[in-house]
Amino acid sequence: MKVLTKKWLRDYELNAIVGALSPFTDEKMPFVFTNGGTNIIAKKDLHTVKTNFNLSDKENEINFCMIPNTFAYYGDYLKNANEPEYRSIEADFLSQYVNRLRVISFLPEDILKLIKDKRMLALGYAEEKVKKMILDYVGNKVSNAVEIFENSISATIENSQELTATEQIEINRYYSDITELFEENTILKTEIDGSDLRLITELDKVIVLCGAKELEMEEEIKNSYIKAYEIYKSGKDYELHLLLKNVDENLVDNFFYVTYQFNDLKFA
């Protein structure tokens, strides 16, 4: 990748923290403490409930705080889905949670040391002073990363004007532009057809790279999600740069590069 690199992605993904601390909804949910550990919560945010029922002292008291409801669930789960996070609501939650923790680790040390419990931050809670410091830090980084992404997409569309895929789109109006071949898509497998490389994707799209030559492959491409993509002219040929994602057994996202040289691109 020339522009949408792993370094760029670290800033782009900081938006996950913005989403956790500035949720898309005002809905809140209780986080309950049953065995201590309340020192990680500001006193003004901690609530204690004491009852006098025919229960033990332990069962007659509970502590809780209200945290933003910051998790957006896919909803339509399939046990055999290609993406493991879409196989169950438990996997969906775990994927969002562990990857927020991963992104939190990108914060500078002077901020990290002020966070009393990074697990609570991943759930959407931070004391107001720390919350403001985090949002001030990530705000410009995220906005700059988004601008870089948008400029790169525009460049990819411009660089693709003479490709067969663009002509197919203009004639048949399958898609609005070439980016729809790649965005929010998963490469299930590849096939060699003479000098052509066929990328078989999840969304019923077969991307054909004519006269393809592999320039870089950090990991196996099978069942990898397209996180970012770039198309460049390279003399008489072109280059397709892919930033791909796979998921480990703990549902932690892993990113890697694949680059192809080709002389034309079309879809079947």
C-alpha atoms as a PDB file:
ATOM      1  CA  MET A   1       0.000   0.000   0.000  1.00  0.00           C
ATOM      2  CA  LYS A   2       1.226   3.487  -0.810  1.00  0.00           C
ATOM      3  CA  VAL A   3      -1.261   5.578   1.166  1.00  0.00           C
ATOM      4  CA  LEU A   4      -3.711   3.356   3.067  1.00  0.00           C
ATOM      5  CA  THR A   5      -0.988   1.629   5.052  1.00  0.00           C
ATOM      6  CA  LYS A   6      -1.044  -0.169   8.400  1.00  0.00           C
ATOM      7  CA  LYS A   7       0.259   3.049   9.932  1.00  0.00           C
ATOM      8  CA  TRP A   8      -2.655   4.971   8.429  1.00  0.00           C
ATOM      9  CA  LEU A   9      -5.025   2.279   9.694  1.00  0.00           C
ATOM     10  CA  ARG A  10      -3.890   2.768  13.308  1.00  0.00           C
ATOM     11  CA  ASP A  11      -5.182   6.351  13.168  1.00  0.00           C
ATOM     12  CA  TYR A  12      -8.292   5.416  11.182  1.00  0.00           C
ATOM     13  CA  GLU A  13      -9.241   2.744  13.722  1.00  0.00           C
ATOM     14  CA  LEU A  14      -9.077   5.230  16.592  1.00  0.00           C
ATOM     15  CA  ASN A  15     -12.624   6.010  15.526  1.00  0.00           C
ATOM     16  CA  ALA A  16     -13.602   2.911  17.528  1.00  0.00           C
ATOM     17  CA  ILE A  17     -12.687   4.829  20.684  1.00  0.00           C
ATOM     18  CA  VAL A  18     -14.680   7.853  19.518  1.00  0.00           C
ATOM     19  CA  GLY A  19     -17.642   5.534  18.999  1.00  0.00           C
ATOM     20  CA  ALA A  20     -17.252   4.099  22.493  1.00  0.00           C
ATOM     21  CA  LEU A  21     -17.008   7.469  24.233  1.00  0.00           C
ATOM     22  CA  SER A  22     -19.362   9.426  21.953  1.00  0.00           C
ATOM     23  CA  PRO A  23     -22.019   6.824  21.180  1.00  0.00           C
ATOM     24  CA  PHE A  24     -24.529   7.042  18.340  1.00  0.00           C
ATOM     25  CA  THR A  25     -27.364   6.698  20.847  1.00  0.00           C
ATOM     26  CA  ASP A  26     -28.232   8.109  24.271  1.00  0.00           C
ATOM     27  CA  GLU A  27     -29.180   4.646  25.503  1.00  0.00           C
ATOM     28  CA  LYS A  28     -27.370   3.409  28.582  1.00  0.00           C
ATOM     29  CA  MET A  29     -27.080   0.064  30.315  1.00  0.00           C
ATOM     30  CA  PRO A  30     -26.021  -0.930  33.838  1.00  0.00           C
ATOM     31  CA  PHE A  31     -22.621  -2.400  34.590  1.00  0.00           C
ATOM     32  CA  VAL A  32     -22.873  -4.359  37.829  1.00  0.00           C
ATOM     33  CA  PHE A  33     -20.141  -5.008  40.403  1.00  0.00           C
ATOM     34  CA  THR A  34     -20.757  -8.037  42.598  1.00  0.00           C
ATOM     35  CA  ASN A  35     -17.378  -8.556  44.224  1.00  0.00           C
ATOM     36  CA  GLY A  36     -15.643  -5.201  44.661  1.00  0.00           C
ATOM     37  CA  GLY A  37     -13.423  -3.468  42.130  1.00  0.00           C
ATOM     38  CA  THR A  38     -15.464  -0.273  42.277  1.00  0.00           C
ATOM     39  CA  ASN A  39     -12.362   1.876  42.770  1.00  0.00           C
ATOM     40  CA  ILE A  40     -12.079   2.165  38.986  1.00  0.00           C
ATOM     41  CA  ILE A  41     -15.303   4.204  38.847  1.00  0.00           C
ATOM     42  CA  ALA A  42     -15.635   7.873  39.819  1.00  0.00           C
ATOM     43  CA  LYS A  43     -17.703   8.210  43.019  1.00  0.00           C
ATOM     44  CA  LYS A  44     -20.319  10.371  41.304  1.00  0.00           C
ATOM     45  CA  ASP A  45     -20.884   7.608  38.725  1.00  0.00           C
ATOM     46  CA  LEU A  46     -21.191   4.742  41.213  1.00  0.00           C
ATOM     47  CA  HIS A  47     -24.598   3.734  42.598  1.00  0.00           C
ATOM     48  CA  THR A  48     -25.201   1.464  45.582  1.00  0.00           C
ATOM     49  CA  VAL A  49     -28.468  -0.365  46.171  1.00  0.00           C
ATOM     50  CA  LYS A  50     -29.194  -1.843  49.604  1.00  0.00           C
ATOM     51  CA  THR A  51     -32.242  -3.948  50.321  1.00  0.00           C
ATOM     52  CA  ASN A  52     -33.576  -5.699  53.406  1.00  0.00           C
ATOM     53  CA  PHE A  53     -35.063  -8.869  52.046  1.00  0.00           C
ATOM     54  CA  ASN A  54     -34.700 -12.395  53.352  1.00  0.00           C
ATOM     55  CA  LEU A  55     -31.313 -12.679  51.661  1.00  0.00           C
ATOM     56  CA  SER A  56     -27.703 -12.713  52.728  1.00  0.00           C
ATOM     57  CA  ASP A  57     -25.894  -9.422  53.371  1.00  0.00           C
ATOM     58  CA  LYS A  58     -23.995  -9.969  50.132  1.00  0.00           C
ATOM     59  CA  GLU A  59     -27.203 -10.493  48.162  1.00  0.00           C
ATOM     60  CA  ASN A  60     -28.855  -7.451  49.746  1.00  0.00           C
ATOM     61  CA  GLU A  61     -26.300  -5.045  48.294  1.00  0.00           C
ATOM     62  CA  ILE A  62     -25.168  -4.299  44.783  1.00  0.00           C
ATOM     63  CA  ASN A  63     -23.066  -1.599  43.126  1.00  0.00           C
ATOM     64  CA  PHE A  64     -23.514  -0.450  39.559  1.00  0.00           C
ATOM     65  CA  CYS A  65     -22.743   2.345  37.131  1.00  0.00           C
ATOM     66  CA  MET A  66     -24.512   3.300  33.932  1.00  0.00           C
ATOM     67  CA  ILE A  67     -22.420   3.049  30.779  1.00  0.00           C
ATOM     68  CA  PRO A  68     -23.284   3.983  27.185  1.00  0.00           C
ATOM     69  CA  ASN A  69     -24.808   1.263  25.037  1.00  0.00           C
ATOM     70  CA  THR A  70     -22.055   1.448  22.416  1.00  0.00           C
ATOM     71  CA  PHE A  71     -22.201  -1.955  20.749  1.00  0.00           C
ATOM     72  CA  ALA A  72     -23.971  -2.298  17.404  1.00  0.00           C
ATOM     73  CA  TYR A  73     -24.937  -5.885  16.678  1.00  0.00           C
ATOM     74  CA  TYR A  74     -25.183  -7.498  13.260  1.00  0.00           C
ATOM     75  CA  GLY A  75     -28.384  -9.361  14.151  1.00  0.00           C
ATOM     76  CA  ASP A  76     -28.619 -11.903  11.307  1.00  0.00           C
ATOM     77  CA  TYR A  77     -26.214 -14.585  12.508  1.00  0.00           C
ATOM     78  CA  LEU A  78     -25.260 -17.749  10.642  1.00  0.00           C
ATOM     79  CA  LYS A  79     -23.244 -20.562  12.207  1.00  0.00           C
ATOM     80  CA  ASN A  80     -21.319 -21.051   8.950  1.00  0.00           C
ATOM     81  CA  ALA A  81     -20.723 -17.363   8.136  1.00  0.00           C
ATOM     82  CA  ASN A  82     -17.327 -16.652   6.548  1.00  0.00           C
ATOM     83  CA  GLU A  83     -16.595 -13.932   9.091  1.00  0.00           C
ATOM     84  CA  PRO A  84     -16.470 -15.569  12.554  1.00  0.00           C
ATOM     85  CA  GLU A  85     -17.831 -12.463  14.287  1.00  0.00           C
ATOM     86  CA  TYR A  86     -21.125 -12.955  12.397  1.00  0.00           C
ATOM     87  CA  ARG A  87     -21.725 -16.495  13.656  1.00  0.00           C
ATOM     88  CA  SER A  88     -23.330 -15.563  16.985  1.00  0.00           C
ATOM     89  CA  ILE A  89     -24.166 -12.551  19.130  1.00  0.00           C
ATOM     90  CA  GLU A  90     -21.499 -13.678  21.622  1.00  0.00           C
ATOM     91  CA  ALA A  91     -18.846 -13.665  18.889  1.00  0.00           C
ATOM     92  CA  ASP A  92     -20.112 -10.301  17.627  1.00  0.00           C
ATOM     93  CA  PHE A  93     -19.728  -8.725  21.074  1.00  0.00           C
ATOM     94  CA  LEU A  94     -16.338 -10.341  21.689  1.00  0.00           C
ATOM     95  CA  SER A  95     -15.003  -9.169  18.326  1.00  0.00           C
ATOM     96  CA  GLN A  96     -15.998  -5.565  18.988  1.00  0.00           C
ATOM     97  CA  TYR A  97     -14.702  -5.666  22.556  1.00  0.00           C
ATOM     98  CA  VAL A  98     -11.276  -7.239  21.953  1.00  0.00           C
ATOM     99  CA  ASN A  99     -10.608  -5.025  18.953  1.00  0.00           C
ATOM    100  CA  ARG A 100     -11.466  -1.927  20.961  1.00  0.00           C
ATOM    101  CA  LEU A 101      -8.884  -3.101  23.490  1.00  0.00           C
ATOM    102  CA  ARG A 102      -6.394  -3.550  20.643  1.00  0.00           C
ATOM    103  CA  VAL A 103      -7.034   0.006  19.407  1.00  0.00           C
ATOM    104  CA  ILE A 104      -6.839   1.412  22.948  1.00  0.00           C
ATOM    105  CA  SER A 105      -3.295   0.055  23.114  1.00  0.00           C
ATOM    106  CA  PHE A 106      -2.394   2.547  20.330  1.00  0.00           C
ATOM    107  CA  LEU A 107      -2.937   5.489  22.699  1.00  0.00           C
ATOM    108  CA  PRO A 108       0.223   7.237  23.975  1.00  0.00           C
ATOM    109  CA  GLU A 109       1.624   6.164  27.312  1.00  0.00           C
ATOM    110  CA  ASP A 110       0.813   9.450  29.063  1.00  0.00           C
ATOM    111  CA  ILE A 111      -2.883   8.800  28.400  1.00  0.00           C
ATOM    112  CA  LEU A 112      -2.796   5.057  29.012  1.00  0.00           C
ATOM    113  CA  LYS A 113      -1.419   5.520  32.523  1.00  0.00           C
ATOM    114  CA  LEU A 114      -4.419   7.711  33.449  1.00  0.00           C
ATOM    115  CA  ILE A 115      -6.970   5.061  32.474  1.00  0.00           C
ATOM    116  CA  LYS A 116      -7.835   3.138  35.619  1.00  0.00           C
ATOM    117  CA  ASP A 117      -9.190   0.113  33.759  1.00  0.00           C
ATOM    118  CA  LYS A 118      -8.883  -0.242  29.996  1.00  0.00           C
ATOM    119  CA  ARG A 119     -11.612  -2.884  29.987  1.00  0.00           C
ATOM    120  CA  MET A 120     -14.108  -0.261  31.129  1.00  0.00           C
ATOM    121  CA  LEU A 121     -12.903   2.099  28.414  1.00  0.00           C
ATOM    122  CA  ALA A 122     -13.553  -0.643  25.847  1.00  0.00           C
ATOM    123  CA  LEU A 123     -17.089  -0.853  27.243  1.00  0.00           C
ATOM    124  CA  GLY A 124     -17.541   2.911  26.864  1.00  0.00           C
ATOM    125  CA  TYR A 125     -16.729   4.273  30.331  1.00  0.00           C
ATOM    126  CA  ALA A 126     -14.047   6.790  31.286  1.00  0.00           C
ATOM    127  CA  GLU A 127     -13.928   9.546  33.880  1.00  0.00           C
ATOM    128  CA  GLU A 128     -14.792  12.902  32.331  1.00  0.00           C
ATOM    129  CA  LYS A 129     -11.274  14.360  32.512  1.00  0.00           C
ATOM    130  CA  VAL A 130      -9.731  11.276  30.931  1.00  0.00           C
ATOM    131  CA  LYS A 131     -12.538  11.033  28.370  1.00  0.00           C
ATOM    132  CA  LYS A 132     -11.895  14.602  27.214  1.00  0.00           C
ATOM    133  CA  MET A 133      -8.149  13.994  26.976  1.00  0.00           C
ATOM    134  CA  ILE A 134      -8.702  10.889  24.851  1.00  0.00           C
ATOM    135  CA  LEU A 135     -11.199  12.547  22.510  1.00  0.00           C
ATOM    136  CA  ASP A 136      -8.934  15.597  22.093  1.00  0.00           C
ATOM    137  CA  TYR A 137      -6.066  13.295  21.133  1.00  0.00           C
ATOM    138  CA  VAL A 138      -7.905  11.050  18.682  1.00  0.00           C
ATOM    139  CA  GLY A 139     -10.121  13.712  17.059  1.00  0.00           C
ATOM    140  CA  ASN A 140      -7.631  15.219  14.594  1.00  0.00           C
ATOM    141  CA  LYS A 141      -6.003  11.866  13.902  1.00  0.00           C
ATOM    142  CA  VAL A 142      -9.313  10.310  12.909  1.00  0.00           C
ATOM    143  CA  SER A 143     -10.410  13.278  10.775  1.00  0.00           C
ATOM    144  CA  ASN A 144      -7.033  13.335   8.978  1.00  0.00           C
ATOM    145  CA  ALA A 145      -7.216   9.568   8.391  1.00  0.00           C
ATOM    146  CA  VAL A 146     -10.726   9.898   6.951  1.00  0.00           C
ATOM    147  CA  GLU A 147      -9.549  12.657   4.596  1.00  0.00           C
ATOM    148  CA  ILE A 148      -6.634  10.504   3.426  1.00  0.00           C
ATOM    149  CA  PHE A 149      -9.060   7.622   2.809  1.00  0.00           C
ATOM    150  CA  GLU A 150     -11.471   9.764   0.785  1.00  0.00           C
ATOM    151  CA  ASN A 151      -8.655  11.228  -1.329  1.00  0.00           C
ATOM    152  CA  SER A 152      -7.299   7.742  -1.984  1.00  0.00           C
ATOM    153  CA  ILE A 153     -10.711   6.492  -3.136  1.00  0.00           C
ATOM    154  CA  SER A 154     -10.986   9.437  -5.538  1.00  0.00           C
ATOM    155  CA  ALA A 155      -7.514   8.642  -6.905  1.00  0.00           C
ATOM    156  CA  THR A 156      -8.439   4.975  -7.382  1.00  0.00           C
ATOM    157  CA  ILE A 157     -11.551   5.951  -9.370  1.00  0.00           C
ATOM    158  CA  GLU A 158      -9.490   8.348 -11.511  1.00  0.00           C
ATOM    159  CA  ASN A 159      -6.749   5.772 -12.108  1.00  0.00           C
ATOM    160  CA  SER A 160      -9.361   3.192 -13.193  1.00  0.00           C
ATOM    161  CA  GLN A 161     -11.014   5.203 -15.987  1.00  0.00           C
ATOM    162  CA  GLU A 162      -9.494   3.145 -18.820  1.00  0.00           C
ATOM    163  CA  LEU A 163     -10.144  -0.269 -17.250  1.00  0.00           C
ATOM    164  CA  THR A 164     -12.745  -2.615 -18.712  1.00  0.00           C
ATOM    165  CA  ALA A 165     -14.525  -2.708 -15.346  1.00  0.00           C
ATOM    166  CA  THR A 166     -15.241   1.015 -15.570  1.00  0.00           C
ATOM    167  CA  GLU A 167     -16.632   0.562 -19.094  1.00  0.00           C
ATOM    168  CA  GLN A 168     -18.805  -2.322 -17.851  1.00  0.00           C
ATOM    169  CA  ILE A 169     -20.195  -0.093 -15.105  1.00  0.00           C
ATOM    170  CA  GLU A 170     -20.924   2.761 -17.489  1.00  0.00           C
ATOM    171  CA  ILE A 171     -22.714   0.472 -19.960  1.00  0.00           C
ATOM    172  CA  ASN A 172     -24.632  -1.807 -17.622  1.00  0.00           C
ATOM    173  CA  ARG A 173     -24.895   0.322 -14.455  1.00  0.00           C
ATOM    174  CA  TYR A 174     -24.190  -2.656 -12.195  1.00  0.00           C
ATOM    175  CA  TYR A 175     -22.454  -0.394  -9.694  1.00  0.00           C
ATOM    176  CA  SER A 176     -21.957   3.323  -9.201  1.00  0.00           C
ATOM    177  CA  ASP A 177     -18.154   3.065  -9.614  1.00  0.00           C
ATOM    178  CA  ILE A 178     -15.291   0.603  -9.357  1.00  0.00           C
ATOM    179  CA  THR A 179     -15.012   0.916  -5.581  1.00  0.00           C
ATOM    180  CA  GLU A 180     -18.163  -1.196  -5.143  1.00  0.00           C
ATOM    181  CA  LEU A 181     -16.217  -4.211  -6.401  1.00  0.00           C
ATOM    182  CA  PHE A 182     -14.025  -4.062  -3.315  1.00  0.00           C
ATOM    183  CA  GLU A 183     -15.687  -2.298  -0.404  1.00  0.00           C
ATOM    184  CA  GLU A 184     -17.179  -4.393   2.418  1.00  0.00           C
ATOM    185  CA  ASN A 185     -16.238  -7.551   0.549  1.00  0.00           C
ATOM    186  CA  THR A 186     -14.409 -10.779   1.388  1.00  0.00           C
ATOM    187  CA  ILE A 187     -12.139 -12.708  -0.977  1.00  0.00           C
ATOM    188  CA  LEU A 188     -13.186 -16.340  -0.581  1.00  0.00           C
ATOM    189  CA  LYS A 189     -10.539 -17.812  -2.890  1.00  0.00           C
ATOM    190  CA  THR A 190      -8.493 -17.201  -6.043  1.00  0.00           C
ATOM    191  CA  GLU A 191      -8.391 -19.073  -9.347  1.00  0.00           C
ATOM    192  CA  ILE A 192      -5.803 -19.001 -12.150  1.00  0.00           C
ATOM    193  CA  ASP A 193      -7.219 -18.856 -15.679  1.00  0.00           C
ATOM    194  CA  GLY A 194      -4.298 -18.737 -18.093  1.00  0.00           C
ATOM    195  CA  SER A 195      -2.582 -15.425 -17.408  1.00  0.00           C
ATOM    196  CA  ASP A 196      -5.612 -14.086 -15.567  1.00  0.00           C
ATOM    197  CA  LEU A 197      -6.244 -14.157 -11.823  1.00  0.00           C
ATOM    198  CA  ARG A 198      -9.832 -14.471 -10.650  1.00  0.00           C
ATOM    199  CA  LEU A 199     -10.709 -13.196  -7.171  1.00  0.00           C
ATOM    200  CA  ILE A 200     -13.862 -15.013  -6.061  1.00  0.00           C
ATOM    201  CA  THR A 201     -15.631 -12.790  -3.549  1.00  0.00           C
ATOM    202  CA  GLU A 202     -18.430 -13.196  -1.057  1.00  0.00           C
ATOM    203  CA  LEU A 203     -20.810 -10.658  -2.586  1.00  0.00           C
ATOM    204  CA  ASP A 204     -21.242 -12.575  -5.862  1.00  0.00           C
ATOM    205  CA  LYS A 205     -18.484 -10.556  -7.488  1.00  0.00           C
ATOM    206  CA  VAL A 206     -15.687 -12.187  -9.479  1.00  0.00           C
ATOM    207  CA  ILE A 207     -12.870  -9.692  -9.998  1.00  0.00           C
ATOM    208  CA  VAL A 208     -10.639 -10.636 -12.926  1.00  0.00           C
ATOM    209  CA  LEU A 209      -7.078  -9.296 -13.093  1.00  0.00           C
ATOM    210  CA  CYS A 210      -5.869  -9.773 -16.662  1.00  0.00           C
ATOM    211  CA  GLY A 211      -2.186 -10.558 -17.158  1.00  0.00           C
ATOM    212  CA  ALA A 212      -1.774 -10.713 -13.391  1.00  0.00           C
ATOM    213  CA  LYS A 213       1.543 -10.906 -11.578  1.00  0.00           C
ATOM    214  CA  GLU A 214       1.908 -11.164  -7.806  1.00  0.00           C
ATOM    215  CA  LEU A 215       4.231  -8.480  -6.424  1.00  0.00           C
ATOM    216  CA  GLU A 216       3.669  -8.958  -2.695  1.00  0.00           C
ATOM    217  CA  MET A 217       1.780 -11.381  -0.443  1.00  0.00           C
ATOM    218  CA  GLU A 218       2.378 -11.234   3.292  1.00  0.00           C
ATOM    219  CA  GLU A 219      -0.207 -13.911   4.059  1.00  0.00           C
ATOM    220  CA  GLU A 220      -2.591 -16.270   2.287  1.00  0.00           C
ATOM    221  CA  ILE A 221      -5.455 -14.331   0.707  1.00  0.00           C
ATOM    222  CA  LYS A 222      -8.203 -16.969   1.127  1.00  0.00           C
ATOM    223  CA  ASN A 223     -11.175 -15.874   3.271  1.00  0.00           C
ATOM    224  CA  SER A 224      -9.719 -12.409   3.894  1.00  0.00           C
ATOM    225  CA  TYR A 225     -11.773  -9.227   4.259  1.00  0.00           C
ATOM    226  CA  ILE A 226     -10.876  -6.209   2.105  1.00  0.00           C
ATOM    227  CA  LYS A 227     -10.167  -3.403   4.570  1.00  0.00           C
ATOM    228  CA  ALA A 228      -8.681  -0.964   2.044  1.00  0.00           C
ATOM    229  CA  TYR A 229      -7.639  -0.916  -1.606  1.00  0.00           C
ATOM    230  CA  GLU A 230      -5.733   1.275  -4.058  1.00  0.00           C
ATOM    231  CA  ILE A 231      -5.355   1.134  -7.839  1.00  0.00           C
ATOM    232  CA  TYR A 232      -2.407   2.853  -9.530  1.00  0.00           C
ATOM    233  CA  LYS A 233      -1.138   3.168 -13.076  1.00  0.00           C
ATOM    234  CA  SER A 234       2.338   1.693 -13.487  1.00  0.00           C
ATOM    235  CA  GLY A 235       3.657   2.473 -16.943  1.00  0.00           C
ATOM    236  CA  LYS A 236       1.446   0.536 -19.374  1.00  0.00           C
ATOM    237  CA  ASP A 237       0.179  -1.643 -16.542  1.00  0.00           C
ATOM    238  CA  TYR A 238      -1.650  -1.155 -13.263  1.00  0.00           C
ATOM    239  CA  GLU A 239      -1.190  -2.170  -9.658  1.00  0.00           C
ATOM    240  CA  LEU A 240      -3.866  -3.295  -7.206  1.00  0.00           C
ATOM    241  CA  HIS A 241      -2.834  -2.785  -3.585  1.00  0.00           C
ATOM    242  CA  LEU A 242      -4.931  -4.548  -0.952  1.00  0.00           C
ATOM    243  CA  LEU A 243      -4.920  -4.164   2.821  1.00  0.00           C
ATOM    244  CA  LEU A 244      -6.627  -7.342   3.971  1.00  0.00           C
ATOM    245  CA  LYS A 245      -7.919  -8.586   7.311  1.00  0.00           C
ATOM    246  CA  ASN A 246      -8.138 -12.010   8.838  1.00  0.00           C
ATOM    247  CA  VAL A 247      -9.203 -12.944  12.361  1.00  0.00           C
ATOM    248  CA  ASP A 248      -7.385 -15.140  14.880  1.00  0.00           C
ATOM    249  CA  GLU A 249      -8.937 -17.662  17.273  1.00  0.00           C
ATOM    250  CA  ASN A 250      -9.615 -14.875  19.799  1.00  0.00           C
ATOM    251  CA  LEU A 251     -11.412 -12.750  17.165  1.00  0.00           C
ATOM    252  CA  VAL A 252      -8.582 -10.217  17.094  1.00  0.00           C
ATOM    253  CA  ASP A 253      -8.160  -8.553  13.697  1.00  0.00           C
ATOM    254  CA  ASN A 254      -4.877  -9.040  11.855  1.00  0.00           C
ATOM    255  CA  PHE A 255      -3.953  -6.957   8.783  1.00  0.00           C
ATOM    256  CA  PHE A 256      -1.624  -7.738   5.885  1.00  0.00           C
ATOM    257  CA  TYR A 257      -0.668  -6.575   2.393  1.00  0.00           C
ATOM    258  CA  VAL A 258      -1.202  -8.166  -1.021  1.00  0.00           C
ATOM    259  CA  THR A 259      -0.180  -6.413  -4.267  1.00  0.00           C
ATOM    260  CA  TYR A 260      -0.791  -7.441  -7.896  1.00  0.00           C
ATOM    261  CA  GLN A 261       0.358  -6.025 -11.207  1.00  0.00           C
ATOM    262  CA  PHE A 262      -2.078  -6.408 -14.135  1.00  0.00           C
ATOM    263  CA  ASN A 263      -2.902  -4.935 -17.527  1.00  0.00           C
ATOM    264  CA  ASP A 264      -6.694  -4.815 -17.235  1.00  0.00           C
ATOM    265  CA  LEU A 265      -9.435  -5.416 -14.681  1.00  0.00           C
ATOM    266  CA  LYS A 266     -12.977  -6.567 -15.270  1.00  0.00           C
ATOM    267  CA  PHE A 267     -15.718  -8.354 -13.385  1.00  0.00           C
ATOM    268  CA  ALA A 268     -17.716 -11.449 -14.261  1.00  0.00           C
END
